[in-house]
Amino acid sequence: MESAPSHRERLVPPWWLLLVLLLIVPAALLVFLPVDARVGIAVALVLYGGVVLALWLGAPVVELRDGVLRTGRARIGVDDLGTPQALEGDAAKAALRAGWDPADHHLVSPWTRALVRVPVTDESDPTPAWVVSTRRPEALAAAIASAQQRR
């Protein structure tokens, strides 16, 4: 039986992006109103709803459950990870720019500014580290460290 996750978050877009995406509605109306007002309204609402649904369903999930860190479809046991490092502000920017290692496993969300970087200690794994976007870096790092201590 699976236990409850010790950390779980879906990296959905911020609320203000949904407001910006409302610009789809007048754009669709401009195209379809000359044809028929009802068609224009229907197309505009379906387009807006489809884009919002795609962003929601496409948003990756970061989850730590039963000693396994899952980021999107990738997963790794906490036994194979080193000490997690929560990165915010300038440290997160540096990790995404000058500190970018293409060999690392990255799950980076464009609307999330904080990261957790965890080195991989399994010597047979060619990935040196996992770099994961999160809105709560301290909580994720603490959850990983706590899961490692329980094992």
Protein backbone atom coordinates (compact mmCIF):
# COMPACT_ATOMS: atom_id res chain seq x y z
CA MET A 1 0.00 0.00 0.00
CA GLU A 2 1.34 3.41 -0.97
CA SER A 3 1.66 6.11 1.63
CA ALA A 4 0.69 9.72 1.17
CA PRO A 5 3.29 11.82 -0.63
CA SER A 6 5.61 13.79 1.62
CA HIS A 7 5.82 16.44 -1.11
CA ARG A 8 3.63 16.97 -4.16
CA GLU A 9 3.09 19.91 -6.45
CA ARG A 10 1.92 20.48 -9.99
CA LEU A 11 3.92 23.20 -11.76
CA VAL A 12 0.93 24.96 -13.31
CA PRO A 13 1.17 28.40 -14.91
CA PRO A 14 0.53 31.44 -12.71
CA TRP A 15 -2.98 32.89 -12.49
CA TRP A 16 -2.05 35.99 -14.48
CA LEU A 17 -1.15 33.91 -17.54
CA LEU A 18 -4.74 32.69 -17.68
CA LEU A 19 -5.82 36.34 -17.83
CA VAL A 20 -3.36 37.07 -20.63
CA LEU A 21 -4.65 34.06 -22.54
CA LEU A 22 -8.09 35.69 -22.55
CA LEU A 23 -6.73 37.62 -25.55
CA ILE A 24 -7.53 34.46 -27.52
CA VAL A 25 -11.23 35.31 -27.19
CA PRO A 26 -11.25 38.66 -29.05
CA ALA A 27 -8.80 37.30 -31.64
CA ALA A 28 -11.11 34.41 -32.44
CA LEU A 29 -14.13 36.72 -32.43
CA LEU A 30 -12.47 39.02 -34.96
CA VAL A 31 -11.99 36.08 -37.31
CA PHE A 32 -15.37 34.40 -36.90
CA LEU A 33 -17.83 37.25 -36.22
CA PRO A 34 -18.22 38.04 -39.94
CA VAL A 35 -19.32 34.42 -40.42
CA ASP A 36 -21.71 34.11 -37.47
CA ALA A 37 -21.68 35.54 -33.93
CA ARG A 38 -22.62 32.22 -32.31
CA VAL A 39 -19.85 30.40 -34.19
CA GLY A 40 -17.36 33.09 -33.16
CA ILE A 41 -18.29 32.87 -29.49
CA ALA A 42 -18.22 29.06 -29.53
CA VAL A 43 -14.84 28.92 -31.27
CA ALA A 44 -13.39 31.54 -28.91
CA LEU A 45 -14.54 29.67 -25.79
CA VAL A 46 -13.39 26.29 -27.09
CA LEU A 47 -9.98 27.68 -28.03
CA TYR A 48 -9.51 29.36 -24.65
CA GLY A 49 -10.67 26.27 -22.76
CA GLY A 50 -8.46 24.02 -24.87
CA VAL A 51 -5.34 26.10 -24.26
CA VAL A 52 -6.00 26.30 -20.51
CA LEU A 53 -6.68 22.56 -20.35
CA ALA A 54 -3.50 21.78 -22.31
CA LEU A 55 -1.43 23.94 -19.94
CA TRP A 56 -2.99 22.23 -16.91
CA LEU A 57 -2.60 18.68 -18.21
CA GLY A 58 0.89 19.37 -19.55
CA ALA A 59 2.14 20.81 -16.26
CA PRO A 60 4.64 18.41 -14.71
CA VAL A 61 4.16 17.00 -11.22
CA VAL A 62 6.98 16.90 -8.67
CA GLU A 63 6.29 14.26 -6.04
CA LEU A 64 8.18 12.46 -3.30
CA ARG A 65 6.41 9.29 -2.17
CA ASP A 66 7.67 6.06 -0.62
CA GLY A 67 11.31 7.06 -1.00
CA VAL A 68 11.01 7.81 -4.73
CA LEU A 69 11.36 11.26 -6.26
CA ARG A 70 9.19 11.67 -9.35
CA THR A 71 9.59 14.64 -11.65
CA GLY A 72 7.27 14.37 -14.61
CA ARG A 73 7.75 10.81 -15.89
CA ALA A 74 11.28 10.38 -14.47
CA ARG A 75 11.89 8.78 -11.10
CA ILE A 76 14.79 8.00 -8.82
CA GLY A 77 15.08 6.52 -5.35
CA VAL A 78 16.28 8.84 -2.60
CA ASP A 79 18.93 6.23 -1.74
CA ASP A 80 20.68 7.20 -4.98
CA LEU A 81 20.66 10.93 -4.17
CA GLY A 82 23.03 13.11 -2.20
CA THR A 83 22.28 16.17 -0.09
CA PRO A 84 19.59 18.37 -1.68
CA GLN A 85 20.33 22.05 -2.18
CA ALA A 86 17.47 24.59 -2.32
CA LEU A 87 18.24 27.42 -4.76
CA GLU A 88 16.35 30.70 -4.95
CA GLY A 89 17.00 34.09 -6.49
CA ASP A 90 20.51 34.61 -7.86
CA ALA A 91 21.60 31.07 -6.98
CA ALA A 92 18.77 29.61 -9.06
CA LYS A 93 19.58 31.94 -11.97
CA ALA A 94 23.23 30.92 -11.81
CA ALA A 95 22.29 27.23 -11.82
CA LEU A 96 20.22 27.77 -14.97
CA ARG A 97 22.88 29.82 -16.75
CA ALA A 98 26.54 29.40 -15.87
CA GLY A 99 25.95 26.27 -13.79
CA TRP A 100 23.97 24.46 -16.49
CA ASP A 101 25.28 20.95 -17.02
CA PRO A 102 23.67 19.21 -20.00
CA ALA A 103 24.31 15.83 -18.36
CA ASP A 104 22.03 16.72 -15.42
CA HIS A 105 18.39 15.67 -15.40
CA HIS A 106 16.40 18.90 -15.69
CA LEU A 107 12.74 19.54 -15.01
CA VAL A 108 12.60 23.30 -15.39
CA SER A 109 9.37 25.23 -15.53
CA PRO A 110 9.48 28.69 -17.14
CA TRP A 111 7.14 30.19 -14.54
CA THR A 112 8.87 28.79 -11.46
CA ARG A 113 11.92 30.69 -10.26
CA ALA A 114 13.21 28.39 -7.51
CA LEU A 115 15.07 25.09 -7.88
CA VAL A 116 16.30 22.11 -5.94
CA ARG A 117 19.57 20.56 -7.09
CA VAL A 118 20.35 17.06 -5.84
CA PRO A 119 23.55 15.21 -6.78
CA VAL A 120 23.20 11.59 -7.87
CA THR A 121 25.42 9.30 -5.81
CA ASP A 122 24.82 6.11 -7.80
CA GLU A 123 28.09 5.59 -9.66
CA SER A 124 26.42 3.51 -12.39
CA ASP A 125 24.07 6.40 -13.22
CA PRO A 126 25.54 8.72 -15.90
CA THR A 127 23.44 11.64 -14.62
CA PRO A 128 25.46 13.75 -12.17
CA ALA A 129 22.49 15.59 -10.63
CA TRP A 130 18.79 16.35 -10.78
CA VAL A 131 17.74 19.99 -11.12
CA VAL A 132 14.04 20.44 -10.40
CA SER A 133 11.83 23.52 -10.50
CA THR A 134 9.63 24.02 -7.46
CA ARG A 135 7.64 26.77 -5.84
CA ARG A 136 8.68 25.48 -2.39
CA PRO A 137 12.40 24.63 -2.59
CA GLU A 138 12.99 24.44 1.17
CA ALA A 139 10.04 22.06 1.62
CA LEU A 140 11.17 19.78 -1.22
CA ALA A 141 14.78 19.71 0.00
CA ALA A 142 13.61 18.94 3.54
CA ALA A 143 11.29 16.18 2.29
CA ILE A 144 14.15 14.55 0.35
CA ALA A 145 16.50 14.77 3.35
CA SER A 146 13.83 13.35 5.64
CA ALA A 147 13.11 10.45 3.25
CA GLN A 148 16.85 9.69 3.08
CA GLN A 149 17.09 9.53 6.89
CA ARG A 150 14.15 7.10 7.12
CA ARG A 151 15.80 4.64 4.72
